[in-house]
């Protein structure tokens, strides 16, 4: 176990109380050697016990007999003996209280950690559910009877690649699947363009090396859809020399 697990095990408190077995004593000594900073914890436990014992100690009653009599000496001795047992009980109680306090603190930390993990998991599940619902909604639209599937064939710089677009004049929406486009170097991304009367208008940016279906802007008079390789962030005008895929509508 690591240092944190050792501190949470309660062995150090039991060692101070003298409740550990010889084998456990060896374990404690080993960890004190491996982690010298644990000696500070050990000293703190000793000081806590001493302070608690001093605050709760019960002094023996004053003798009612002359100090030089045999009976007085015997009486004081018995009270000293009683006081030692009382002090020991107080010390044990102090250590037990400290140990329970430490255990309770650790349990509170564990509870807070579990609650935080639960909240994070709940948030993740909600986000995943929302994403799935959005994907199902898009899938339903793609299967709409008026949705046209358009294959964007690869150009001379990517002859074995292509992209798949979905165009719906009724819903006035468009989507593009870039899964089969070439992987781009860092700092580059694909941009989607619609050709209207010879003018290229940007209708979407594909996130760098994304393989997921994206929504693209619908333009009613678009004559073709084109994909070019651009600098990260996109461009105002397409880099025609890096036209990667295109198709007529």
Foldseek 3Di string as FASTA:
>chain_A
DDPVVVVLVCLLLCVLLVNDDPVSVVVVVVVCVVPVVCVVVSVVLVVQLVVQLVVPQDDFDDDPDDPPDPVSVVVVVVSVVVRVVVSSVSSVVSSVVVSVVVNVVVVVVVVVVVVVVVVVVVVVVVVVVVVVVVVVVVVVVQPPPQKDKWKWAWDPVARPFIKIKIQGPVVQWIKIFRQRFDQDDPQKWKWKWFAAPNATDTFDTDPHPDRDMDITGGDNRGFKMWMFMDGPPDDRGGPVVRTTTMTTD
